[in-house]
């Protein structure tokens, strides 16, 4: 058995954490239940690297689950936060910074006309669902198996991400009545969608889908299917919600809406708009957003929404993302990285596919050339990911602690970082298929 890196201090911290938190963590996927060993407790991060409590150094491809597209501790983001710290941390009142970040987003994103800041992606999606129900005066929501939209009650119905990691299909504590208002169908199945609308046409408020499903593998949908969603919702008076908590500002400044050349009715965003700080947002047309309080009857509030620290970080980060060719360079870097690994996989004839879009990637241990649905992922293939993950950690490479999670490349990843990672992945794959 290969020699593992020291996790003595992380293990001690984990044992102590169990006295304070359920499972010793504040979010389930952090518990490392799907991979080997105890969780790593991270001490610091800089550029593309993180260091744990045992002072192990890793090249990081988790990037705080995606939002750190500029890497850790970016100097401009850090400086913006430091300047705001001198002025105050929180006011619970309007600030100029909210206007500035909103203007930066709206003038560079043609798919939304007004925006509302909240404090998390879950809150953004929850608010978007309420807006859809309030606007249409209907109750039912359609979501897709393999798409994860946060932990609000009405969407924890056969949810993905953390729940799939534990092999569960729903959460205890969600009232049956809530679940009955959410219809769950498979992705990439036009007939199922037609049947649902045929049965519940006048009851469906919205269809919600991740811009590109990336919480349960990377399930890239065909353009014609996404346009079919737009068509069928319009025909039946329902709204189309794009959950772009992962894809928004990661695929491009206009996210999956631009990628698919489609106009959703409501779009949600996550922490990337705050430079990685706790923040989220939802946006839509002026007409739709006029239904949000205090203008309209759909109530949504947040005491710390538009927090000045998060706004400052977001302004600094998004100014960089808005620079010409930022996303082109990201995609080229990612494509070169993946192509090199694919060439090695082909030479070795390994049963591994790498799916990628923009600067997002996902390793699937399969011969299937295309995976568009959650039920096309073989749960047994996760055993090989566990071996790969362990080998990578021991070589100083940090991937997400579940084979269902995607990886991210930041602008801070240098060619040297990528080359080192490529060699580590080759070794990890050899180990997994030994």
Protein backbone atom coordinates (compact mmCIF):
# COMPACT_ATOMS: atom_id res chain seq x y z
CA UNK A 1 0.00 0.00 0.00
CA UNK A 2 1.35 3.41 -0.93
CA UNK A 3 2.64 5.68 1.81
CA UNK A 4 0.18 8.43 2.65
CA UNK A 5 1.16 11.99 3.44
CA UNK A 6 1.03 12.91 7.11
CA UNK A 7 -2.43 13.98 8.26
CA UNK A 8 -1.67 13.91 11.99
CA UNK A 9 -2.68 17.50 12.72
CA UNK A 10 -5.66 17.39 10.36
CA UNK A 11 -6.79 14.14 11.98
CA UNK A 12 -6.49 15.69 15.45
CA UNK A 13 -8.48 18.72 14.36
CA UNK A 14 -11.11 16.44 12.81
CA UNK A 15 -11.51 14.44 16.01
CA UNK A 16 -11.93 17.69 17.94
CA UNK A 17 -14.40 19.01 15.36
CA UNK A 18 -16.63 15.97 15.89
CA UNK A 19 -17.37 17.36 19.37
CA UNK A 20 -18.73 20.57 17.84
CA UNK A 21 -20.27 19.77 14.46
CA UNK A 22 -22.39 16.93 13.02
CA UNK A 23 -19.88 14.57 11.43
CA UNK A 24 -17.13 16.99 12.35
CA UNK A 25 -17.89 19.28 9.40
CA UNK A 26 -20.06 22.24 8.41
CA UNK A 27 -20.90 20.85 4.97
CA UNK A 28 -21.27 17.10 4.29
CA UNK A 29 -18.99 16.66 1.28
CA UNK A 30 -16.04 17.97 3.32
CA UNK A 31 -16.12 14.81 5.44
CA UNK A 32 -14.09 12.81 2.86
CA UNK A 33 -16.62 9.93 3.12
CA UNK A 34 -16.15 9.12 -0.57
CA UNK A 35 -12.35 9.02 -0.58
CA UNK A 36 -9.55 7.68 1.63
CA UNK A 37 -8.42 9.23 4.88
CA UNK A 38 -9.62 12.06 7.07
CA UNK A 39 -10.41 15.55 5.78
CA UNK A 40 -7.57 17.98 5.28
CA UNK A 41 -7.84 21.13 7.38
CA UNK A 42 -6.60 23.98 5.22
CA UNK A 43 -4.43 26.69 6.77
CA UNK A 44 -3.79 29.03 3.85
CA UNK A 45 -3.90 29.49 0.11
CA UNK A 46 -1.94 31.51 -2.42
CA UNK A 47 -2.36 31.58 -6.19
CA UNK A 48 -2.96 27.97 -7.32
CA UNK A 49 -1.75 26.36 -4.09
CA UNK A 50 -3.07 25.52 -0.64
CA UNK A 51 -1.36 24.28 2.54
CA UNK A 52 -2.95 22.10 5.22
CA UNK A 53 -2.46 21.94 8.99
CA UNK A 54 0.42 19.47 8.52
CA UNK A 55 2.08 21.94 6.13
CA UNK A 56 1.50 19.70 3.12
CA UNK A 57 1.43 21.77 -0.07
CA UNK A 58 -1.06 21.08 -2.86
CA UNK A 59 -1.86 22.44 -6.30
CA UNK A 60 -5.58 23.11 -5.91
CA UNK A 61 -8.18 22.17 -8.54
CA UNK A 62 -11.16 22.50 -6.22
CA UNK A 63 -10.81 26.30 -6.06
CA UNK A 64 -13.30 26.61 -3.18
CA UNK A 65 -15.72 24.56 -5.33
CA UNK A 66 -15.32 26.83 -8.34
CA UNK A 67 -15.54 30.55 -7.50
CA UNK A 68 -11.80 31.15 -7.17
CA UNK A 69 -11.27 31.57 -10.91
CA UNK A 70 -8.41 33.96 -10.10
CA UNK A 71 -6.84 31.55 -7.62
CA UNK A 72 -6.26 32.08 -3.91
CA UNK A 73 -5.39 35.38 -2.29
CA UNK A 74 -5.33 37.42 -5.50
CA UNK A 75 -3.56 40.68 -4.73
CA UNK A 76 -6.21 42.99 -6.24
CA UNK A 77 -9.06 41.20 -4.49
CA UNK A 78 -7.15 41.13 -1.20
CA UNK A 79 -6.27 44.83 -1.46
CA UNK A 80 -9.90 45.75 -2.17
CA UNK A 81 -11.04 43.82 0.90
CA UNK A 82 -8.32 45.38 3.06
CA UNK A 83 -9.35 48.89 2.02
CA UNK A 84 -12.97 48.17 2.93
CA UNK A 85 -11.95 46.63 6.27
CA UNK A 86 -10.71 50.04 7.35
CA UNK A 87 -14.17 51.48 6.67
CA UNK A 88 -16.29 48.77 8.26
CA UNK A 89 -17.39 45.16 7.82
CA UNK A 90 -21.16 45.35 7.72
CA UNK A 91 -23.87 47.99 7.81
CA UNK A 92 -27.17 46.35 6.86
CA UNK A 93 -27.80 49.46 4.77
CA UNK A 94 -27.24 50.45 1.12
CA UNK A 95 -23.72 51.25 -0.03
CA UNK A 96 -22.17 52.66 -3.18
CA UNK A 97 -20.42 49.31 -3.65
CA UNK A 98 -23.70 47.52 -4.37
CA UNK A 99 -24.39 49.96 -7.22
CA UNK A 100 -20.87 49.55 -8.54
CA UNK A 101 -20.93 45.74 -8.64
CA UNK A 102 -24.44 45.66 -10.09
CA UNK A 103 -23.46 48.10 -12.85
CA UNK A 104 -20.37 46.04 -13.64
CA UNK A 105 -22.48 42.89 -13.96
CA UNK A 106 -25.44 44.35 -15.84
CA UNK A 107 -23.44 46.35 -18.39
CA UNK A 108 -21.46 43.23 -19.32
CA UNK A 109 -24.28 40.69 -19.16
CA UNK A 110 -27.07 41.12 -21.69
CA UNK A 111 -29.24 38.35 -20.25
CA UNK A 112 -30.48 40.19 -17.15
CA UNK A 113 -31.76 43.74 -16.63
CA UNK A 114 -32.02 43.90 -12.84
CA UNK A 115 -30.36 41.93 -10.06
CA UNK A 116 -30.83 41.24 -6.36
CA UNK A 117 -27.85 40.32 -4.17
CA UNK A 118 -28.25 37.61 -1.53
CA UNK A 119 -25.77 35.73 0.66
CA UNK A 120 -25.45 32.31 -1.03
CA UNK A 121 -26.27 30.30 -4.13
CA UNK A 122 -28.89 28.33 -2.21
CA UNK A 123 -30.61 31.57 -1.23
CA UNK A 124 -30.46 32.84 -4.82
CA UNK A 125 -32.16 29.71 -6.16
CA UNK A 126 -34.72 29.65 -3.36
CA UNK A 127 -35.62 33.27 -4.18
CA UNK A 128 -35.78 32.57 -7.92
CA UNK A 129 -38.24 29.72 -7.29
CA UNK A 130 -40.40 31.99 -5.14
CA UNK A 131 -40.35 34.67 -7.83
CA UNK A 132 -41.38 32.14 -10.49
CA UNK A 133 -44.27 30.93 -8.34
CA UNK A 134 -45.33 34.46 -7.46
CA UNK A 135 -45.21 35.64 -11.06
CA UNK A 136 -47.03 32.66 -12.63
CA UNK A 137 -49.35 32.03 -9.66
CA UNK A 138 -48.53 28.33 -10.02
CA UNK A 139 -46.87 25.97 -7.55
CA UNK A 140 -45.08 23.08 -9.26
CA UNK A 141 -41.42 23.10 -10.26
CA UNK A 142 -39.66 20.72 -12.64
CA UNK A 143 -36.05 19.83 -11.86
CA UNK A 144 -33.72 17.22 -13.27
CA UNK A 145 -32.09 14.20 -11.69
CA UNK A 146 -28.40 14.97 -11.33
CA UNK A 147 -28.87 18.72 -10.93
CA UNK A 148 -28.21 20.20 -7.50
CA UNK A 149 -29.67 23.58 -6.59
CA UNK A 150 -28.80 23.98 -2.94
CA UNK A 151 -30.43 22.61 0.18
CA UNK A 152 -33.79 24.39 0.25
CA UNK A 153 -36.68 22.01 0.99
CA UNK A 154 -38.49 22.06 -2.34
CA UNK A 155 -35.31 21.16 -4.24
CA UNK A 156 -33.96 18.39 -2.00
CA UNK A 157 -35.82 15.82 -4.02
CA UNK A 158 -33.42 13.24 -5.42
CA UNK A 159 -30.81 15.99 -5.35
CA UNK A 160 -27.25 15.61 -6.57
CA UNK A 161 -23.85 16.62 -5.23
CA UNK A 162 -23.45 15.87 -1.53
CA UNK A 163 -26.52 13.67 -1.32
CA UNK A 164 -25.42 11.52 -4.23
CA UNK A 165 -22.03 11.26 -2.58
CA UNK A 166 -23.71 9.40 0.29
CA UNK A 167 -25.88 7.32 -2.01
CA UNK A 168 -29.13 8.93 -0.80
CA UNK A 169 -31.98 10.20 -2.93
CA UNK A 170 -33.70 12.65 -0.57
CA UNK A 171 -33.27 14.35 2.79
CA UNK A 172 -35.04 13.61 6.03
CA UNK A 173 -36.95 16.61 7.32
CA UNK A 174 -38.42 17.66 4.00
CA UNK A 175 -42.24 17.59 4.25
CA UNK A 176 -43.92 15.29 1.77
CA UNK A 177 -46.15 18.18 0.70
CA UNK A 178 -43.08 20.20 -0.34
CA UNK A 179 -41.65 17.32 -2.33
CA UNK A 180 -44.96 16.81 -4.11
CA UNK A 181 -44.64 20.26 -5.63
CA UNK A 182 -41.34 19.30 -7.29
CA UNK A 183 -41.37 16.99 -10.30
CA UNK A 184 -38.04 15.27 -10.97
CA UNK A 185 -37.24 13.83 -14.40
CA UNK A 186 -34.13 12.65 -16.20
CA UNK A 187 -32.01 15.00 -18.26
CA UNK A 188 -31.94 14.69 -22.04
CA UNK A 189 -35.42 13.17 -22.20
CA UNK A 190 -37.79 15.28 -24.30
CA UNK A 191 -40.61 12.76 -24.09
CA UNK A 192 -40.64 12.82 -20.28
CA UNK A 193 -40.81 16.60 -20.29
CA UNK A 194 -43.67 16.57 -22.79
CA UNK A 195 -45.58 14.06 -20.66
CA UNK A 196 -45.16 16.16 -17.53
CA UNK A 197 -46.39 19.31 -19.25
CA UNK A 198 -49.27 17.37 -20.76
CA UNK A 199 -50.37 16.29 -17.28
CA UNK A 200 -49.62 19.44 -15.29
CA UNK A 201 -49.47 22.25 -17.85
CA UNK A 202 -51.42 24.85 -15.88
CA UNK A 203 -49.68 23.97 -12.59
CA UNK A 204 -46.00 24.31 -13.56
CA UNK A 205 -44.39 27.58 -12.52
CA UNK A 206 -40.90 26.87 -13.82
CA UNK A 207 -38.33 24.44 -15.11
CA UNK A 208 -34.98 24.79 -13.35
CA UNK A 209 -31.72 23.42 -14.71
CA UNK A 210 -28.06 24.05 -13.99
CA UNK A 211 -26.57 26.09 -16.83
CA UNK A 212 -24.46 23.02 -17.50
CA UNK A 213 -25.06 20.34 -14.86
CA UNK A 214 -21.79 20.17 -12.90
CA UNK A 215 -22.69 18.94 -9.42
CA UNK A 216 -23.11 15.28 -10.33
CA UNK A 217 -20.44 14.85 -12.94
CA UNK A 218 -20.23 17.22 -15.90
CA UNK A 219 -23.39 16.44 -17.87
CA UNK A 220 -23.04 18.65 -20.95
CA UNK A 221 -26.40 18.91 -22.71
CA UNK A 222 -26.91 19.29 -26.45
CA UNK A 223 -27.90 22.76 -27.63
CA UNK A 224 -31.10 21.51 -29.23
CA UNK A 225 -32.27 20.03 -25.91
CA UNK A 226 -31.69 23.29 -24.04
CA UNK A 227 -33.56 25.19 -26.76
CA UNK A 228 -36.35 22.63 -26.46
CA UNK A 229 -36.62 23.58 -22.76
CA UNK A 230 -37.01 27.20 -23.78
CA UNK A 231 -39.67 26.35 -26.35
CA UNK A 232 -41.82 24.08 -24.17
CA UNK A 233 -41.80 26.45 -21.19
CA UNK A 234 -42.90 29.35 -23.38
CA UNK A 235 -45.65 27.25 -24.94
CA UNK A 236 -47.08 26.42 -21.51
CA UNK A 237 -46.60 29.77 -19.79
CA UNK A 238 -43.88 28.49 -17.44
CA UNK A 239 -40.56 30.16 -16.70
CA UNK A 240 -37.09 28.79 -17.43
CA UNK A 241 -34.58 29.22 -14.60
CA UNK A 242 -30.86 28.79 -15.25
CA UNK A 243 -28.97 27.96 -12.07
CA UNK A 244 -25.57 29.39 -12.97
CA UNK A 245 -24.03 29.20 -9.51
CA UNK A 246 -21.20 27.15 -11.08
CA UNK A 247 -21.25 28.19 -14.75
CA UNK A 248 -22.00 31.89 -14.33
CA UNK A 249 -18.84 33.97 -14.83
CA UNK A 250 -16.88 30.68 -15.07
CA UNK A 251 -17.71 29.74 -18.68
CA UNK A 252 -17.70 33.39 -19.61
CA UNK A 253 -19.02 36.66 -18.28
CA UNK A 254 -22.48 35.69 -19.57
CA UNK A 255 -22.15 32.04 -18.57
CA UNK A 256 -24.20 29.20 -20.01
CA UNK A 257 -26.85 31.58 -21.33
CA UNK A 258 -24.29 32.82 -23.86
CA UNK A 259 -22.82 29.32 -24.35
CA UNK A 260 -26.22 28.01 -25.46
CA UNK A 261 -27.35 31.32 -26.98
CA UNK A 262 -30.58 31.22 -25.00
CA UNK A 263 -32.56 33.70 -22.91
CA UNK A 264 -33.64 32.17 -19.57
CA UNK A 265 -36.32 34.00 -17.59
CA UNK A 266 -34.34 34.01 -14.33
CA UNK A 267 -30.63 33.35 -13.74
CA UNK A 268 -28.94 32.65 -10.41
CA UNK A 269 -25.27 33.22 -9.55
CA UNK A 270 -22.95 32.26 -6.72
CA UNK A 271 -19.80 33.25 -4.89
CA UNK A 272 -17.74 33.93 -8.00
CA UNK A 273 -19.44 37.35 -8.20
CA UNK A 274 -17.95 38.13 -4.78
CA UNK A 275 -14.43 37.00 -5.59
CA UNK A 276 -15.16 33.84 -3.59
CA UNK A 277 -16.76 35.58 -0.61
CA UNK A 278 -20.18 34.39 0.66
CA UNK A 279 -22.60 36.00 -1.79
CA UNK A 280 -25.13 35.08 -4.44
CA UNK A 281 -27.57 36.84 -6.75
CA UNK A 282 -30.52 36.31 -9.02
CA UNK A 283 -31.45 38.42 -12.01
CA UNK A 284 -34.12 38.72 -14.66
CA UNK A 285 -35.92 41.25 -16.84
CA UNK A 286 -37.14 44.51 -15.35
CA UNK A 287 -40.70 43.23 -15.69
CA UNK A 288 -40.03 40.08 -13.67
CA UNK A 289 -37.90 41.78 -11.03
CA UNK A 290 -40.66 44.35 -10.49
CA UNK A 291 -42.53 41.59 -8.65
CA UNK A 292 -39.85 41.47 -5.91
CA UNK A 293 -40.49 43.45 -2.73
CA UNK A 294 -40.53 46.34 -2.04
CA UNK A 295 -41.78 46.95 -5.60
CA UNK A 296 -43.97 43.85 -5.79
CA UNK A 297 -45.68 41.19 -3.74
CA UNK A 298 -42.95 38.50 -3.76
CA UNK A 299 -41.19 38.93 -0.44
CA UNK A 300 -37.45 38.33 -0.23
CA UNK A 301 -35.04 39.95 2.19
CA UNK A 302 -31.54 39.61 3.60
CA UNK A 303 -30.11 41.52 6.53
CA UNK A 304 -26.55 41.28 5.24
CA UNK A 305 -27.28 41.14 1.50
CA UNK A 306 -24.83 43.31 -0.43
CA UNK A 307 -22.23 43.00 2.33
CA UNK A 308 -19.53 45.63 1.62
CA UNK A 309 -16.65 43.16 2.02
CA UNK A 310 -18.15 40.80 -0.54
CA UNK A 311 -19.06 43.67 -2.86
CA UNK A 312 -15.50 45.03 -2.74
CA UNK A 313 -14.04 41.61 -3.52
CA UNK A 314 -16.53 41.11 -6.34
CA UNK A 315 -15.79 44.45 -7.99
CA UNK A 316 -12.06 43.74 -7.99
CA UNK A 317 -12.52 40.19 -9.32
CA UNK A 318 -15.08 40.93 -12.03
CA UNK A 319 -13.06 43.82 -13.41
CA UNK A 320 -10.36 41.28 -14.20
CA UNK A 321 -12.85 38.79 -15.65
CA UNK A 322 -14.22 41.53 -17.93
CA UNK A 323 -10.80 42.10 -19.53
CA UNK A 324 -10.50 41.09 -23.21
CA UNK A 325 -9.43 37.47 -23.85
CA UNK A 326 -9.59 36.45 -20.16
CA UNK A 327 -11.89 33.51 -20.90
CA UNK A 328 -10.20 32.65 -24.19
CA UNK A 329 -6.91 32.16 -22.35
CA UNK A 330 -8.62 30.10 -19.66
CA UNK A 331 -10.17 27.78 -22.20
CA UNK A 332 -6.97 27.38 -24.19
CA UNK A 333 -5.03 26.56 -21.03
CA UNK A 334 -7.61 23.99 -19.98
CA UNK A 335 -7.88 22.40 -23.42
CA UNK A 336 -4.10 21.94 -23.67
CA UNK A 337 -4.01 20.41 -20.17
CA UNK A 338 -6.83 17.96 -20.92
CA UNK A 339 -5.54 17.04 -24.41
CA UNK A 340 -2.18 16.02 -22.96
CA UNK A 341 -3.83 13.76 -20.39
CA UNK A 342 -6.19 12.31 -22.99
CA UNK A 343 -3.25 11.38 -25.19
CA UNK A 344 -1.72 9.44 -22.30
CA UNK A 345 -5.05 7.70 -21.58
CA UNK A 346 -5.31 6.68 -25.24
CA UNK A 347 -1.77 5.29 -25.26
CA UNK A 348 -2.50 3.22 -22.16
CA UNK A 349 -5.97 2.28 -23.39
CA UNK A 350 -7.51 3.17 -20.04
CA UNK A 351 -11.28 3.29 -19.59
CA UNK A 352 -11.36 6.98 -18.69
CA UNK A 353 -13.14 9.91 -20.28
CA UNK A 354 -12.45 13.55 -19.49
CA UNK A 355 -15.37 15.87 -20.11
CA UNK A 356 -14.60 19.56 -20.25
CA UNK A 357 -16.19 22.91 -20.98
CA UNK A 358 -14.55 26.30 -20.47
CA UNK A 359 -12.17 25.86 -17.53
CA UNK A 360 -14.20 23.03 -15.92
CA UNK A 361 -13.26 19.35 -16.24
CA UNK A 362 -14.43 15.96 -14.95
CA UNK A 363 -12.81 12.53 -14.93
CA UNK A 364 -15.23 9.63 -15.58
CA UNK A 365 -13.94 6.09 -15.31
CA UNK A 366 -15.88 4.67 -18.26
CA UNK A 367 -15.64 3.82 -21.96
CA UNK A 368 -18.76 5.89 -22.70
CA UNK A 369 -17.95 8.79 -25.00
CA UNK A 370 -20.96 10.79 -23.83
CA UNK A 371 -22.68 11.08 -20.44
CA UNK A 372 -25.69 13.37 -20.31
CA UNK A 373 -27.75 11.81 -17.50
CA UNK A 374 -27.07 10.97 -13.87
CA UNK A 375 -28.16 7.34 -14.32
CA UNK A 376 -25.45 6.87 -16.95
CA UNK A 377 -22.76 7.20 -14.28
CA UNK A 378 -21.65 3.83 -12.92
CA UNK A 379 -21.41 4.07 -9.09
CA UNK A 380 -18.79 1.28 -9.09
CA UNK A 381 -16.47 3.49 -11.15
CA UNK A 382 -16.05 5.69 -8.07
CA UNK A 383 -13.73 3.06 -6.57
CA UNK A 384 -11.10 3.95 -9.16
CA UNK A 385 -11.57 7.64 -8.41
CA UNK A 386 -10.87 6.93 -4.73
CA UNK A 387 -7.53 5.37 -5.67
CA UNK A 388 -6.75 8.22 -8.03
CA UNK A 389 -7.65 10.85 -5.43
CA UNK A 390 -5.42 9.25 -2.81
CA UNK A 391 -2.49 9.04 -5.20
CA UNK A 392 -2.92 12.66 -6.24
CA UNK A 393 -3.01 13.89 -2.64
CA UNK A 394 0.18 11.99 -1.92
CA UNK A 395 1.77 13.77 -4.89
CA UNK A 396 0.59 17.22 -3.81
CA UNK A 397 -2.49 17.59 -6.05
CA UNK A 398 -5.86 18.50 -4.52
CA UNK A 399 -9.04 17.37 -6.31
CA UNK A 400 -12.55 17.47 -4.84
CA UNK A 401 -13.20 14.60 -2.37
CA UNK A 402 -15.78 12.83 -4.56
CA UNK A 403 -15.71 11.35 -8.03
CA UNK A 404 -18.96 13.15 -8.79
CA UNK A 405 -17.33 16.55 -8.34
CA UNK A 406 -15.80 18.54 -11.19
CA UNK A 407 -12.41 20.25 -11.21
CA UNK A 408 -11.55 23.85 -12.01
CA UNK A 409 -8.55 25.61 -13.50
CA UNK A 410 -7.85 29.16 -12.39
CA UNK A 411 -5.89 31.96 -14.03
CA UNK A 412 -3.33 31.42 -11.26
CA UNK A 413 -2.40 27.94 -12.49
CA UNK A 414 0.94 28.28 -14.26
CA UNK A 415 2.24 25.99 -16.98
CA UNK A 416 4.63 24.60 -14.39
CA UNK A 417 1.66 23.80 -12.11
CA UNK A 418 -0.15 22.10 -14.97
CA UNK A 419 2.88 20.10 -16.07
CA UNK A 420 3.45 18.87 -12.52
CA UNK A 421 -0.21 17.90 -12.31
CA UNK A 422 -0.13 16.05 -15.62
CA UNK A 423 2.73 13.85 -14.40
CA UNK A 424 0.92 13.23 -11.11
CA UNK A 425 -2.28 12.27 -12.95
CA UNK A 426 -0.37 9.81 -15.13
CA UNK A 427 0.99 8.13 -12.00
CA UNK A 428 -2.43 8.18 -10.32
CA UNK A 429 -4.09 6.58 -13.35
CA UNK A 430 -1.41 3.90 -13.52
CA UNK A 431 -2.07 3.19 -9.84
CA UNK A 432 -5.84 3.08 -10.32
CA UNK A 433 -5.57 0.61 -13.20
CA UNK A 434 -2.74 -1.47 -11.74
